[in-house]
Amino acid sequence: SLSKLPQILFLNKSDLMLKEEADAIKQEIEAEKREIFANPDSLVKIVCGSAAAHTGVDELKNSIFELLASLPEKEEGMQLLEDEKAFQHPDDGFAVSRRKG
C-alpha cells in the first residue's frame, strides 16, 4: 500500500505564521504521528514552507532527491516485461492522409 512507502510531509502556507509557530506545529506532528498516520514510521521528514513564497521548496526538493537516492534500484519480485506484440506489429494497417478544406 502507498501508506507504507517513505513519505515527506510539506506544511504549506508556513509563511502566514511565525517561524516559531510553524516549528511548534512540526514538533506536534512528530510527537503525535502515531495517532495521525496509518503507518507513522513511513514519515521520514517534515518540511515547513510556502509554495507561493517559494520558501522551503529547495529543502523539499533536496529531501525528495535524498529519499529517491536511498531507495533500492529495483524491488525484488518486480519485473518489467517487454510487449513483443508492440514491437512486431506491422505499421501498414493504417494510412495518414491530408484533406484540404
Protein backbone atom coordinates (compact mmCIF):
# COMPACT_ATOMS: atom_id res chain seq x y z
CA SER A 1 0.00 0.00 0.00
CA LEU A 2 1.15 3.57 -0.64
CA SER A 3 0.95 4.43 3.04
CA LYS A 4 3.88 2.08 3.67
CA LEU A 5 6.18 3.96 1.30
CA PRO A 6 8.51 6.65 2.70
CA GLN A 7 6.72 10.00 2.93
CA ILE A 8 7.75 13.63 3.20
CA LEU A 9 5.15 15.99 4.63
CA PHE A 10 5.20 19.57 3.32
CA LEU A 11 3.47 22.04 5.63
CA ASN A 12 2.39 24.64 3.10
CA LYS A 13 1.43 28.25 3.87
CA SER A 14 4.00 28.43 6.67
CA ASP A 15 4.72 31.98 5.51
CA LEU A 16 1.39 33.02 7.06
CA MET A 17 2.66 32.37 10.59
CA LEU A 18 5.72 32.99 12.69
CA LYS A 19 8.59 30.53 12.26
CA GLU A 20 8.18 29.54 15.91
CA GLU A 21 4.52 28.65 15.27
CA ALA A 22 5.38 26.53 12.21
CA ASP A 23 8.14 24.78 14.16
CA ALA A 24 5.70 24.08 17.02
CA ILE A 25 3.22 22.50 14.57
CA LYS A 26 6.02 20.43 13.09
CA GLN A 27 7.05 19.22 16.57
CA GLU A 28 3.44 18.45 17.47
CA ILE A 29 3.01 16.32 14.35
CA GLU A 30 6.25 14.47 15.15
CA ALA A 31 5.05 13.82 18.70
CA GLU A 32 1.55 12.70 17.64
CA LYS A 33 2.40 10.89 14.39
CA ARG A 34 1.41 7.50 15.86
CA GLU A 35 -2.15 8.81 16.24
CA ILE A 36 -2.20 10.79 12.97
CA PHE A 37 -0.75 8.42 10.36
CA ALA A 38 -1.74 4.86 9.47
CA ASN A 39 1.96 3.97 9.11
CA PRO A 40 3.82 6.55 11.21
CA ASP A 41 7.22 5.01 10.51
CA SER A 42 6.82 5.89 6.84
CA LEU A 43 7.04 9.62 7.68
CA VAL A 44 10.71 10.36 7.09
CA LYS A 45 10.69 14.17 7.12
CA ILE A 46 8.51 17.22 7.73
CA VAL A 47 9.32 20.39 5.81
CA CYS A 48 7.76 23.78 6.55
CA GLY A 49 7.42 26.20 3.67
CA SER A 50 5.29 28.09 1.22
CA ALA A 51 4.73 27.18 -2.39
CA ALA A 52 3.62 30.76 -3.15
CA ALA A 53 6.59 32.43 -1.43
CA HIS A 54 8.97 29.68 -2.60
CA THR A 55 10.27 29.12 0.92
CA GLY A 56 11.16 25.60 1.95
CA VAL A 57 10.82 24.42 -1.66
CA ASP A 58 14.57 23.83 -2.08
CA GLU A 59 14.62 21.87 1.18
CA LEU A 60 11.64 19.84 -0.07
CA LYS A 61 13.32 19.12 -3.42
CA ASN A 62 16.60 18.15 -1.73
CA SER A 63 14.71 15.87 0.66
CA ILE A 64 12.96 14.20 -2.27
CA PHE A 65 16.26 13.67 -4.11
CA GLU A 66 17.89 12.24 -0.96
CA LEU A 67 14.94 9.92 -0.41
CA LEU A 68 14.94 8.71 -4.01
CA ALA A 69 18.70 8.11 -3.88
CA SER A 70 18.27 5.98 -0.76
CA LEU A 71 15.62 3.72 -2.29
CA PRO A 72 16.66 0.38 -3.78
CA GLU A 73 17.21 0.35 -7.53
CA LYS A 74 14.68 -2.38 -8.13
CA GLU A 75 12.23 -4.11 -5.87
CA GLU A 76 12.67 -7.85 -5.64
CA GLY A 77 9.92 -9.77 -7.33
CA MET A 78 9.18 -6.93 -9.71
CA GLN A 79 9.99 -7.46 -13.36
CA LEU A 80 9.27 -5.36 -16.42
CA LEU A 81 8.24 -7.36 -19.44
CA GLU A 82 8.55 -6.12 -22.97
CA ASP A 83 5.41 -6.27 -25.07
CA GLU A 84 6.58 -8.24 -28.10
CA LYS A 85 3.34 -7.51 -29.97
CA ALA A 86 4.08 -3.80 -29.79
CA PHE A 87 7.45 -4.31 -31.48
CA GLN A 88 6.35 -6.86 -34.06
CA HIS A 89 3.13 -5.20 -35.19
CA PRO A 90 3.28 -4.04 -38.84
CA ASP A 91 2.67 -0.35 -39.40
CA ASP A 92 0.83 -0.84 -42.71
CA GLY A 93 -2.57 -1.34 -41.05
CA PHE A 94 -3.47 2.33 -41.37
CA ALA A 95 -2.75 5.32 -43.55
CA VAL A 96 -2.46 9.01 -42.74
CA SER A 97 -3.64 11.48 -45.36
CA ARG A 98 -4.27 15.20 -45.55
CA ARG A 99 -7.52 16.74 -46.75
CA LYS A 100 -7.83 20.27 -47.94
CA GLY A 101 -10.74 22.22 -46.73
